[in-house]
Structures are given as structure tokens and as C-alpha cells.
PDB file of N, CA and C in Angstrom:
ATOM      1  N   MET A   1     114.801  84.622 120.079  1.00  0.00           N
ATOM      2  CA  MET A   1     113.520  85.057 120.623  1.00  0.00           C
ATOM      3  C   MET A   1     112.920  86.239 119.869  1.00  0.00           C
ATOM      4  N   ALA A   2     113.824  87.107 119.357  1.00  0.00           N
ATOM      5  CA  ALA A   2     113.292  88.280 118.657  1.00  0.00           C
ATOM      6  C   ALA A   2     112.490  87.853 117.440  1.00  0.00           C
ATOM      7  N   GLU A   3     112.891  86.856 116.753  1.00  0.00           N
ATOM      8  CA  GLU A   3     112.197  86.372 115.556  1.00  0.00           C
ATOM      9  C   GLU A   3     110.813  85.886 115.923  1.00  0.00           C
ATOM     10  N   LEU A   4     110.713  85.174 117.050  1.00  0.00           N
ATOM     11  CA  LEU A   4     109.382  84.712 117.523  1.00  0.00           C
ATOM     12  C   LEU A   4     108.494  85.881 117.815  1.00  0.00           C
ATOM     13  N   GLU A   5     109.067  86.912 118.485  1.00  0.00           N
ATOM     14  CA  GLU A   5     108.265  88.079 118.794  1.00  0.00           C
ATOM     15  C   GLU A   5     107.724  88.799 117.540  1.00  0.00           C
ATOM     16  N   LYS A   6     108.633  88.848 116.526  1.00  0.00           N
ATOM     17  CA  LYS A   6     108.169  89.513 115.251  1.00  0.00           C
ATOM     18  C   LYS A   6     107.110  88.668 114.555  1.00  0.00           C
ATOM     19  N   ARG A   7     107.296  87.359 114.538  1.00  0.00           N
ATOM     20  CA  ARG A   7     106.310  86.465 113.888  1.00  0.00           C
ATOM     21  C   ARG A   7     105.017  86.559 114.667  1.00  0.00           C
ATOM     22  N   PHE A   8     105.081  86.530 115.977  1.00  0.00           N
ATOM     23  CA  PHE A   8     103.882  86.668 116.827  1.00  0.00           C
ATOM     24  C   PHE A   8     103.112  87.978 116.507  1.00  0.00           C
ATOM     25  N   GLY A   9     103.910  89.064 116.435  1.00  0.00           N
ATOM     26  CA  GLY A   9     103.305  90.331 116.157  1.00  0.00           C
ATOM     27  C   GLY A   9     102.648  90.395 114.767  1.00  0.00           C
ATOM     28  N   ARG A  10     103.312  89.803 113.818  1.00  0.00           N
ATOM     29  CA  ARG A  10     102.702  89.771 112.444  1.00  0.00           C
ATOM     30  C   ARG A  10     101.389  88.999 112.432  1.00  0.00           C
ATOM     31  N   MET A  11     101.303  87.922 113.204  1.00  0.00           N
ATOM     32  CA  MET A  11     100.115  87.120 113.297  1.00  0.00           C
ATOM     33  C   MET A  11      98.999  87.887 114.014  1.00  0.00           C
ATOM     34  N   VAL A  12      99.375  88.612 115.085  1.00  0.00           N
ATOM     35  CA  VAL A  12      98.350  89.456 115.779  1.00  0.00           C
ATOM     36  C   VAL A  12      97.796  90.470 114.746  1.00  0.00           C
ATOM     37  N   ALA A  13      98.668  91.128 114.065  1.00  0.00           N
ATOM     38  CA  ALA A  13      98.208  92.161 113.092  1.00  0.00           C
ATOM     39  C   ALA A  13      97.387  91.547 112.014  1.00  0.00           C
ATOM     40  N   ALA A  14      97.767  90.387 111.503  1.00  0.00           N
ATOM     41  CA  ALA A  14      96.992  89.726 110.412  1.00  0.00           C
ATOM     42  C   ALA A  14      95.570  89.376 110.861  1.00  0.00           C
ATOM     43  N   HIS A  15      95.501  88.763 112.038  1.00  0.00           N
ATOM     44  CA  HIS A  15      94.150  88.394 112.607  1.00  0.00           C
ATOM     45  C   HIS A  15      93.349  89.615 112.915  1.00  0.00           C
ATOM     46  N   ARG A  16      93.948  90.640 113.406  1.00  0.00           N
ATOM     47  CA  ARG A  16      93.243  91.888 113.714  1.00  0.00           C
ATOM     48  C   ARG A  16      92.647  92.483 112.409  1.00  0.00           C
ATOM     49  N   ARG A  17      93.477  92.580 111.442  1.00  0.00           N
ATOM     50  CA  ARG A  17      93.047  93.210 110.136  1.00  0.00           C
ATOM     51  C   ARG A  17      91.975  92.360 109.448  1.00  0.00           C
ATOM     52  N   LEU A  18      92.056  91.020 109.565  1.00  0.00           N
ATOM     53  CA  LEU A  18      91.039  90.168 108.937  1.00  0.00           C
ATOM     54  C   LEU A  18      89.677  90.421 109.602  1.00  0.00           C
ATOM     55  N   ARG A  19      89.699  90.856 110.782  1.00  0.00           N
ATOM     56  CA  ARG A  19      88.448  91.132 111.505  1.00  0.00           C
ATOM     57  C   ARG A  19      88.073  92.626 111.378  1.00  0.00           C
ATOM     58  N   GLY A  20      88.821  93.399 110.621  1.00  0.00           N
ATOM     59  CA  GLY A  20      88.529  94.782 110.442  1.00  0.00           C
ATOM     60  C   GLY A  20      88.653  95.624 111.680  1.00  0.00           C
ATOM     61  N   MET A  21      89.493  95.196 112.576  1.00  0.00           N
ATOM     62  CA  MET A  21      89.705  95.897 113.833  1.00  0.00           C
ATOM     63  C   MET A  21      90.882  96.845 113.733  1.00  0.00           C
ATOM     64  N   THR A  22      90.759  97.969 114.439  1.00  0.00           N
ATOM     65  CA  THR A  22      91.937  98.852 114.609  1.00  0.00           C
ATOM     66  C   THR A  22      92.743  98.377 115.789  1.00  0.00           C
ATOM     67  N   GLN A  23      93.917  98.936 115.927  1.00  0.00           N
ATOM     68  CA  GLN A  23      94.713  98.606 117.128  1.00  0.00           C
ATOM     69  C   GLN A  23      94.001  99.076 118.378  1.00  0.00           C
ATOM     70  N   GLU A  24      93.284 100.214 118.270  1.00  0.00           N
ATOM     71  CA  GLU A  24      92.584 100.718 119.432  1.00  0.00           C
ATOM     72  C   GLU A  24      91.490  99.807 119.817  1.00  0.00           C
ATOM     73  N   ALA A  25      90.773  99.271 118.837  1.00  0.00           N
ATOM     74  CA  ALA A  25      89.656  98.397 119.141  1.00  0.00           C
ATOM     75  C   ALA A  25      90.108  97.084 119.763  1.00  0.00           C
ATOM     76  N   LEU A  26      91.232  96.552 119.251  1.00  0.00           N
ATOM     77  CA  LEU A  26      91.799  95.332 119.838  1.00  0.00           C
ATOM     78  C   LEU A  26      92.259  95.594 121.261  1.00  0.00           C
ATOM     79  N   ALA A  27      92.941  96.751 121.467  1.00  0.00           N
ATOM     80  CA  ALA A  27      93.381  97.070 122.801  1.00  0.00           C
ATOM     81  C   ALA A  27      92.234  97.153 123.814  1.00  0.00           C
ATOM     82  N   ALA A  28      91.181  97.797 123.412  1.00  0.00           N
ATOM     83  CA  ALA A  28      90.019  98.003 124.273  1.00  0.00           C
ATOM     84  C   ALA A  28      89.383  96.602 124.585  1.00  0.00           C
ATOM     85  N   LYS A  29      89.236  95.827 123.577  1.00  0.00           N
ATOM     86  CA  LYS A  29      88.599  94.514 123.769  1.00  0.00           C
ATOM     87  C   LYS A  29      89.480  93.574 124.619  1.00  0.00           C
ATOM     88  N   ALA A  30      90.777  93.676 124.428  1.00  0.00           N
ATOM     89  CA  ALA A  30      91.721  92.821 125.167  1.00  0.00           C
ATOM     90  C   ALA A  30      92.118  93.391 126.533  1.00  0.00           C
ATOM     91  N   GLU A  31      91.615  94.629 126.765  1.00  0.00           N
ATOM     92  CA  GLU A  31      91.918  95.328 128.020  1.00  0.00           C
ATOM     93  C   GLU A  31      93.448  95.499 128.281  1.00  0.00           C
ATOM     94  N   ILE A  32      94.125  95.904 127.168  1.00  0.00           N
ATOM     95  CA  ILE A  32      95.569  96.299 127.253  1.00  0.00           C
ATOM     96  C   ILE A  32      95.668  97.628 126.541  1.00  0.00           C
ATOM     97  N   SER A  33      96.828  98.275 126.613  1.00  0.00           N
ATOM     98  CA  SER A  33      97.022  99.577 126.040  1.00  0.00           C
ATOM     99  C   SER A  33      97.204  99.457 124.518  1.00  0.00           C
ATOM    100  N   THR A  34      96.849 100.555 123.845  1.00  0.00           N
ATOM    101  CA  THR A  34      97.076 100.595 122.405  1.00  0.00           C
ATOM    102  C   THR A  34      98.560 100.613 122.116  1.00  0.00           C
ATOM    103  N   ASP A  35      99.337 101.239 122.982  1.00  0.00           N
ATOM    104  CA  ASP A  35     100.806 101.253 122.828  1.00  0.00           C
ATOM    105  C   ASP A  35     101.349  99.783 122.901  1.00  0.00           C
ATOM    106  N   MET A  36     100.808  99.025 123.780  1.00  0.00           N
ATOM    107  CA  MET A  36     101.247  97.588 123.889  1.00  0.00           C
ATOM    108  C   MET A  36     100.897  96.841 122.606  1.00  0.00           C
ATOM    109  N   VAL A  37      99.729  97.057 122.078  1.00  0.00           N
ATOM    110  CA  VAL A  37      99.296  96.343 120.794  1.00  0.00           C
ATOM    111  C   VAL A  37     100.288  96.755 119.699  1.00  0.00           C
ATOM    112  N   SER A  38     100.561  98.029 119.603  1.00  0.00           N
ATOM    113  CA  SER A  38     101.495  98.529 118.587  1.00  0.00           C
ATOM    114  C   SER A  38     102.851  97.895 118.714  1.00  0.00           C
ATOM    115  N   LYS A  39     103.372  97.891 119.919  1.00  0.00           N
ATOM    116  CA  LYS A  39     104.727  97.300 120.141  1.00  0.00           C
ATOM    117  C   LYS A  39     104.718  95.840 119.851  1.00  0.00           C
ATOM    118  N   ILE A  40     103.653  95.130 120.229  1.00  0.00           N
ATOM    119  CA  ILE A  40     103.580  93.675 119.957  1.00  0.00           C
ATOM    120  C   ILE A  40     103.605  93.481 118.477  1.00  0.00           C
ATOM    121  N   GLU A  41     102.784  94.210 117.736  1.00  0.00           N
ATOM    122  CA  GLU A  41     102.612  93.973 116.263  1.00  0.00           C
ATOM    123  C   GLU A  41     103.919  94.236 115.541  1.00  0.00           C
ATOM    124  N   ILE A  42     104.748  95.177 115.983  1.00  0.00           N
ATOM    125  CA  ILE A  42     106.006  95.425 115.286  1.00  0.00           C
ATOM    126  C   ILE A  42     107.183  94.576 115.852  1.00  0.00           C
ATOM    127  N   GLY A  43     106.864  93.796 116.809  1.00  0.00           N
ATOM    128  CA  GLY A  43     107.882  92.885 117.394  1.00  0.00           C
ATOM    129  C   GLY A  43     108.830  93.558 118.317  1.00  0.00           C
ATOM    130  N   ALA A  44     108.465  94.764 118.809  1.00  0.00           N
ATOM    131  CA  ALA A  44     109.319  95.524 119.709  1.00  0.00           C
ATOM    132  C   ALA A  44     109.283  95.011 121.153  1.00  0.00           C
ATOM    133  N   THR A  45     108.241  94.210 121.455  1.00  0.00           N
ATOM    134  CA  THR A  45     108.128  93.606 122.753  1.00  0.00           C
ATOM    135  C   THR A  45     107.359  92.291 122.609  1.00  0.00           C
ATOM    136  N   GLY A  46     107.562  91.440 123.563  1.00  0.00           N
ATOM    137  CA  GLY A  46     106.847  90.185 123.615  1.00  0.00           C
ATOM    138  C   GLY A  46     105.577  90.380 124.447  1.00  0.00           C
ATOM    139  N   ALA A  47     104.783  89.376 124.531  1.00  0.00           N
ATOM    140  CA  ALA A  47     103.591  89.434 125.372  1.00  0.00           C
ATOM    141  C   ALA A  47     103.665  88.269 126.382  1.00  0.00           C
ATOM    142  N   ARG A  48     103.230  88.586 127.548  1.00  0.00           N
ATOM    143  CA  ARG A  48     103.167  87.572 128.601  1.00  0.00           C
ATOM    144  C   ARG A  48     101.851  86.725 128.383  1.00  0.00           C
ATOM    145  N   PHE A  49     101.878  85.523 128.937  1.00  0.00           N
ATOM    146  CA  PHE A  49     100.741  84.600 128.684  1.00  0.00           C
ATOM    147  C   PHE A  49      99.380  85.202 129.031  1.00  0.00           C
ATOM    148  N   PRO A  50      99.217  85.960 130.121  1.00  0.00           N
ATOM    149  CA  PRO A  50      97.888  86.576 130.328  1.00  0.00           C
ATOM    150  C   PRO A  50      97.439  87.461 129.178  1.00  0.00           C
ATOM    151  N   ASN A  51      98.364  88.250 128.657  1.00  0.00           N
ATOM    152  CA  ASN A  51      98.029  89.144 127.540  1.00  0.00           C
ATOM    153  C   ASN A  51      97.789  88.384 126.252  1.00  0.00           C
ATOM    154  N   ILE A  52      98.564  87.291 126.062  1.00  0.00           N
ATOM    155  CA  ILE A  52      98.356  86.440 124.865  1.00  0.00           C
ATOM    156  C   ILE A  52      96.904  85.919 124.909  1.00  0.00           C
ATOM    157  N   GLU A  53      96.485  85.431 126.078  1.00  0.00           N
ATOM    158  CA  GLU A  53      95.139  84.878 126.206  1.00  0.00           C
ATOM    159  C   GLU A  53      94.115  85.992 125.952  1.00  0.00           C
ATOM    160  N   LYS A  54      94.359  87.229 126.445  1.00  0.00           N
ATOM    161  CA  LYS A  54      93.414  88.304 126.275  1.00  0.00           C
ATOM    162  C   LYS A  54      93.315  88.691 124.809  1.00  0.00           C
ATOM    163  N   ILE A  55      94.462  88.748 124.130  1.00  0.00           N
ATOM    164  CA  ILE A  55      94.490  89.096 122.708  1.00  0.00           C
ATOM    165  C   ILE A  55      93.748  88.027 121.904  1.00  0.00           C
ATOM    166  N   ALA A  56      94.034  86.764 122.155  1.00  0.00           N
ATOM    167  CA  ALA A  56      93.379  85.715 121.435  1.00  0.00           C
ATOM    168  C   ALA A  56      91.890  85.760 121.650  1.00  0.00           C
ATOM    169  N   ALA A  57      91.460  85.954 122.885  1.00  0.00           N
ATOM    170  CA  ALA A  57      90.032  86.013 123.182  1.00  0.00           C
ATOM    171  C   ALA A  57      89.365  87.202 122.465  1.00  0.00           C
ATOM    172  N   ALA A  58      90.036  88.303 122.421  1.00  0.00           N
ATOM    173  CA  ALA A  58      89.516  89.532 121.733  1.00  0.00           C
ATOM    174  C   ALA A  58      89.395  89.253 120.252  1.00  0.00           C
ATOM    175  N   LEU A  59      90.290  88.412 119.702  1.00  0.00           N
ATOM    176  CA  LEU A  59      90.253  88.122 118.284  1.00  0.00           C
ATOM    177  C   LEU A  59      89.349  86.878 117.956  1.00  0.00           C
ATOM    178  N   GLY A  60      88.896  86.227 119.005  1.00  0.00           N
ATOM    179  CA  GLY A  60      87.975  85.069 118.835  1.00  0.00           C
ATOM    180  C   GLY A  60      88.739  83.852 118.311  1.00  0.00           C
ATOM    181  N   ILE A  61      90.010  83.689 118.714  1.00  0.00           N
ATOM    182  CA  ILE A  61      90.814  82.566 118.192  1.00  0.00           C
ATOM    183  C   ILE A  61      91.512  81.841 119.363  1.00  0.00           C
ATOM    184  N   ASP A  62      91.968  80.638 119.036  1.00  0.00           N
ATOM    185  CA  ASP A  62      92.845  79.932 120.006  1.00  0.00           C
ATOM    186  C   ASP A  62      94.197  80.613 120.124  1.00  0.00           C
ATOM    187  N   PRO A  63      94.785  80.773 121.261  1.00  0.00           N
ATOM    188  CA  PRO A  63      96.103  81.424 121.372  1.00  0.00           C
ATOM    189  C   PRO A  63      97.184  80.792 120.515  1.00  0.00           C
ATOM    190  N   ALA A  64      97.072  79.518 120.233  1.00  0.00           N
ATOM    191  CA  ALA A  64      98.045  78.812 119.404  1.00  0.00           C
ATOM    192  C   ALA A  64      98.162  79.376 117.993  1.00  0.00           C
ATOM    193  N   GLU A  65      96.994  79.894 117.507  1.00  0.00           N
ATOM    194  CA  GLU A  65      96.967  80.449 116.157  1.00  0.00           C
ATOM    195  C   GLU A  65      97.850  81.681 116.016  1.00  0.00           C
ATOM    196  N   LEU A  66      98.210  82.297 117.101  1.00  0.00           N
ATOM    197  CA  LEU A  66      99.056  83.485 117.047  1.00  0.00           C
ATOM    198  C   LEU A  66     100.568  83.099 116.932  1.00  0.00           C
ATOM    199  N   PHE A  67     100.826  81.830 116.990  1.00  0.00           N
ATOM    200  CA  PHE A  67     102.200  81.377 116.898  1.00  0.00           C
ATOM    201  C   PHE A  67     102.458  80.605 115.629  1.00  0.00           C
ATOM    202  N   SER A  68     101.455  80.441 114.794  1.00  0.00           N
ATOM    203  CA  SER A  68     101.607  79.735 113.525  1.00  0.00           C
ATOM    204  C   SER A  68     102.420  80.558 112.570  1.00  0.00           C
ATOM    205  N   ALA A  69     103.295  79.978 111.799  1.00  0.00           N
ATOM    206  CA  ALA A  69     104.052  80.684 110.784  1.00  0.00           C
ATOM    207  C   ALA A  69     103.131  81.230 109.759  1.00  0.00           C
ATOM    208  N   GLU A  70     103.556  82.367 109.147  1.00  0.00           N
ATOM    209  CA  GLU A  70     102.718  82.983 108.097  1.00  0.00           C
ATOM    210  C   GLU A  70     102.407  81.997 106.980  1.00  0.00           C
ATOM    211  N   ARG A  71     103.279  81.127 106.653  1.00  0.00           N
ATOM    212  CA  ARG A  71     102.993  80.195 105.578  1.00  0.00           C
ATOM    213  C   ARG A  71     101.804  79.279 105.903  1.00  0.00           C
ATOM    214  N   ASN A  72     101.569  79.056 107.204  1.00  0.00           N
ATOM    215  CA  ASN A  72     100.410  78.272 107.632  1.00  0.00           C
ATOM    216  C   ASN A  72      99.153  79.122 107.673  1.00  0.00           C
ATOM    217  N   PHE A  73      99.319  80.441 107.700  1.00  0.00           N
ATOM    218  CA  PHE A  73      98.145  81.378 107.761  1.00  0.00           C
ATOM    219  C   PHE A  73      97.313  81.203 106.543  1.00  0.00           C
ATOM    220  N   ALA A  74      97.941  81.001 105.383  1.00  0.00           N
ATOM    221  CA  ALA A  74      97.172  80.818 104.110  1.00  0.00           C
ATOM    222  C   ALA A  74      96.286  79.599 104.204  1.00  0.00           C
ATOM    223  N   ALA A  75      96.805  78.526 104.721  1.00  0.00           N
ATOM    224  CA  ALA A  75      95.997  77.289 104.849  1.00  0.00           C
ATOM    225  C   ALA A  75      94.844  77.493 105.833  1.00  0.00           C
ATOM    226  N   MET A  76      95.130  78.229 106.944  1.00  0.00           N
ATOM    227  CA  MET A  76      94.087  78.419 107.969  1.00  0.00           C
ATOM    228  C   MET A  76      92.973  79.286 107.444  1.00  0.00           C
ATOM    229  N   ARG A  77      93.290  80.274 106.649  1.00  0.00           N
ATOM    230  CA  ARG A  77      92.327  81.317 106.264  1.00  0.00           C
ATOM    231  C   ARG A  77      91.917  81.284 104.806  1.00  0.00           C
ATOM    232  N   GLY A  78      92.411  80.319 104.003  1.00  0.00           N
ATOM    233  CA  GLY A  78      91.871  80.184 102.708  1.00  0.00           C
ATOM    234  C   GLY A  78      92.757  80.646 101.571  1.00  0.00           C
ATOM    235  N   GLY A  79      93.695  79.813 101.144  1.00  0.00           N
ATOM    236  CA  GLY A  79      94.456  79.958  99.939  1.00  0.00           C
ATOM    237  C   GLY A  79      95.062  81.344  99.711  1.00  0.00           C
ATOM    238  N   VAL A  80      94.799  81.848  98.475  1.00  0.00           N
ATOM    239  CA  VAL A  80      95.359  83.110  98.081  1.00  0.00           C
ATOM    240  C   VAL A  80      94.984  84.265  98.991  1.00  0.00           C
ATOM    241  N   TYR A  81      93.770  84.258  99.491  1.00  0.00           N
ATOM    242  CA  TYR A  81      93.318  85.308 100.422  1.00  0.00           C
ATOM    243  C   TYR A  81      94.193  85.320 101.653  1.00  0.00           C
ATOM    244  N   GLY A  82      94.398  84.139 102.170  1.00  0.00           N
ATOM    245  CA  GLY A  82      95.269  84.036 103.344  1.00  0.00           C
ATOM    246  C   GLY A  82      96.688  84.461 103.117  1.00  0.00           C
ATOM    247  N   GLU A  83      97.182  84.124 101.893  1.00  0.00           N
ATOM    248  CA  GLU A  83      98.559  84.519 101.554  1.00  0.00           C
ATOM    249  C   GLU A  83      98.621  86.059 101.481  1.00  0.00           C
ATOM    250  N   LEU A  84      97.636  86.660 100.866  1.00  0.00           N
ATOM    251  CA  LEU A  84      97.633  88.138 100.788  1.00  0.00           C
ATOM    252  C   LEU A  84      97.553  88.763 102.139  1.00  0.00           C
ATOM    253  N   ALA A  85      96.717  88.216 103.015  1.00  0.00           N
ATOM    254  CA  ALA A  85      96.602  88.707 104.386  1.00  0.00           C
ATOM    255  C   ALA A  85      97.928  88.614 105.110  1.00  0.00           C
ATOM    256  N   ALA A  86      98.647  87.519 104.931  1.00  0.00           N
ATOM    257  CA  ALA A  86      99.903  87.322 105.610  1.00  0.00           C
ATOM    258  C   ALA A  86     100.934  88.302 105.120  1.00  0.00           C
ATOM    259  N   GLU A  87     100.936  88.559 103.786  1.00  0.00           N
ATOM    260  CA  GLU A  87     101.890  89.544 103.212  1.00  0.00           C
ATOM    261  C   GLU A  87     101.592  90.922 103.683  1.00  0.00           C
ATOM    262  N   MET A  88     100.350  91.262 103.866  1.00  0.00           N
ATOM    263  CA  MET A  88      99.983  92.645 104.249  1.00  0.00           C
ATOM    264  C   MET A  88     100.025  92.868 105.736  1.00  0.00           C
ATOM    265  N   ALA A  89     100.080  91.803 106.577  1.00  0.00           N
ATOM    266  CA  ALA A  89     100.049  91.912 108.005  1.00  0.00           C
ATOM    267  C   ALA A  89     101.061  92.941 108.580  1.00  0.00           C
ATOM    268  N   PRO A  90     102.317  92.941 108.066  1.00  0.00           N
ATOM    269  CA  PRO A  90     103.217  93.878 108.692  1.00  0.00           C
ATOM    270  C   PRO A  90     103.092  95.295 108.217  1.00  0.00           C
ATOM    271  N   LEU A  91     102.219  95.586 107.230  1.00  0.00           N
ATOM    272  CA  LEU A  91     102.085  96.938 106.698  1.00  0.00           C
ATOM    273  C   LEU A  91     101.400  97.836 107.693  1.00  0.00           C
ATOM    274  N   ASN A  92     101.783  99.149 107.701  1.00  0.00           N
ATOM    275  CA  ASN A  92     101.026 100.073 108.534  1.00  0.00           C
ATOM    276  C   ASN A  92      99.817 100.589 107.769  1.00  0.00           C
ATOM    277  N   ASP A  93      98.979 101.376 108.458  1.00  0.00           N
ATOM    278  CA  ASP A  93      97.750 101.834 107.829  1.00  0.00           C
ATOM    279  C   ASP A  93      97.955 102.642 106.561  1.00  0.00           C
ATOM    280  N   ASP A  94      98.994 103.497 106.520  1.00  0.00           N
ATOM    281  CA  ASP A  94      99.247 104.271 105.321  1.00  0.00           C
ATOM    282  C   ASP A  94      99.601 103.356 104.156  1.00  0.00           C
ATOM    283  N   GLN A  95     100.393 102.341 104.426  1.00  0.00           N
ATOM    284  CA  GLN A  95     100.753 101.420 103.311  1.00  0.00           C
ATOM    285  C   GLN A  95      99.542 100.627 102.894  1.00  0.00           C
ATOM    286  N   LEU A  96      98.686 100.253 103.784  1.00  0.00           N
ATOM    287  CA  LEU A  96      97.441  99.509 103.473  1.00  0.00           C
ATOM    288  C   LEU A  96      96.534 100.329 102.614  1.00  0.00           C
ATOM    289  N   ILE A  97      96.451 101.644 102.900  1.00  0.00           N
ATOM    290  CA  ILE A  97      95.611 102.542 102.061  1.00  0.00           C
ATOM    291  C   ILE A  97      96.120 102.554 100.650  1.00  0.00           C
ATOM    292  N   LYS A  98      97.434 102.568 100.471  1.00  0.00           N
ATOM    293  CA  LYS A  98      98.010 102.558  99.096  1.00  0.00           C
ATOM    294  C   LYS A  98      97.700 101.202  98.400  1.00  0.00           C
ATOM    295  N   VAL A  99      97.826 100.135  99.117  1.00  0.00           N
ATOM    296  CA  VAL A  99      97.534  98.833  98.541  1.00  0.00           C
ATOM    297  C   VAL A  99      96.025  98.764  98.144  1.00  0.00           C
ATOM    298  N   LYS A 100      95.186  99.280  98.990  1.00  0.00           N
ATOM    299  CA  LYS A 100      93.742  99.303  98.659  1.00  0.00           C
ATOM    300  C   LYS A 100      93.485 100.048  97.425  1.00  0.00           C
ATOM    301  N   ALA A 101      94.126 101.252  97.256  1.00  0.00           N
ATOM    302  CA  ALA A 101      93.936 102.023  96.091  1.00  0.00           C
ATOM    303  C   ALA A 101      94.380 101.357  94.851  1.00  0.00           C
ATOM    304  N   VAL A 102      95.531 100.629  94.906  1.00  0.00           N
ATOM    305  CA  VAL A 102      96.018  99.819  93.776  1.00  0.00           C
ATOM    306  C   VAL A 102      95.037  98.730  93.405  1.00  0.00           C
ATOM    307  N   ILE A 103      94.529  98.035  94.422  1.00  0.00           N
ATOM    308  CA  ILE A 103      93.529  96.956  94.129  1.00  0.00           C
ATOM    309  C   ILE A 103      92.304  97.539  93.524  1.00  0.00           C
ATOM    310  N   LYS A 104      91.777  98.646  94.047  1.00  0.00           N
ATOM    311  CA  LYS A 104      90.576  99.244  93.461  1.00  0.00           C
ATOM    312  C   LYS A 104      90.821  99.676  91.991  1.00  0.00           C
ATOM    313  N   ALA A 105      91.988 100.215  91.709  1.00  0.00           N
ATOM    314  CA  ALA A 105      92.315 100.635  90.325  1.00  0.00           C
ATOM    315  C   ALA A 105      92.363  99.407  89.440  1.00  0.00           C
ATOM    316  N   MET A 106      92.907  98.315  89.909  1.00  0.00           N
ATOM    317  CA  MET A 106      93.007  97.129  89.127  1.00  0.00           C
ATOM    318  C   MET A 106      91.646  96.510  88.838  1.00  0.00           C
ATOM    319  N   LEU A 107      90.717  96.643  89.769  1.00  0.00           N
ATOM    320  CA  LEU A 107      89.440  96.034  89.652  1.00  0.00           C
ATOM    321  C   LEU A 107      88.402  96.912  88.866  1.00  0.00           C
ATOM    322  N   SER A 108      88.747  98.171  88.661  1.00  0.00           N
ATOM    323  CA  SER A 108      87.779  99.059  87.967  1.00  0.00           C
ATOM    324  C   SER A 108      88.033  99.110  86.475  1.00  0.00           C
TER     325      SER A 108
END
């Protein structure tokens, strides 16, 4: 069950980041605590069905999309872009800032 919770958390984070949402924004929109969003995203806790539905609604997706394996995320969201999003989903904000700096440096 722990692996499912981790995969679910990575998918929540990936969908949240694709929408440019912070954990705080997702929590507010889903009417759950920011602490709960954080724990879900790192796989420290599971989510009950009512919260899964709230999170999915806040993200504008079907709840089933939160259980798809990361390898399917690329197909759902578009090739290489989806693959990159799935790889970066477990990163925290500090790590994402570093990745962003590297990408900017490569593109300039």
C-alpha cells in the first residue's frame, strides 16, 4: 500500500505543478489542509475517497488520473513534456528552482 500512496502523491504533485499551483492553493481549492497536501505528495499518508474527489476536482481532472503510473503520465500530457513533468513531480520547490536555473542557462 505504501507504494500506491507514494505513486498517488507523485501524481498529485505533478498535476498540481502542471497547473502552476502551490500546495497552499491546492489545499484551499480542495478545502483540505496544506499539511495534508504535503503529506499526500510525499506519500506519508493516504487520502480517503472524499479527499481524492476534492483534490481531483480542484485540479480539474478525473480522480482516476491520480492513480495512473508515471509512465502513463507522459502519454496523457504529451510526450517529452509529460516525461519531464513526471520526473520533476517528486522534487521540492528548492530543487525545482535549481532545475529551472539549469534550463534557463541551457536555453540562453
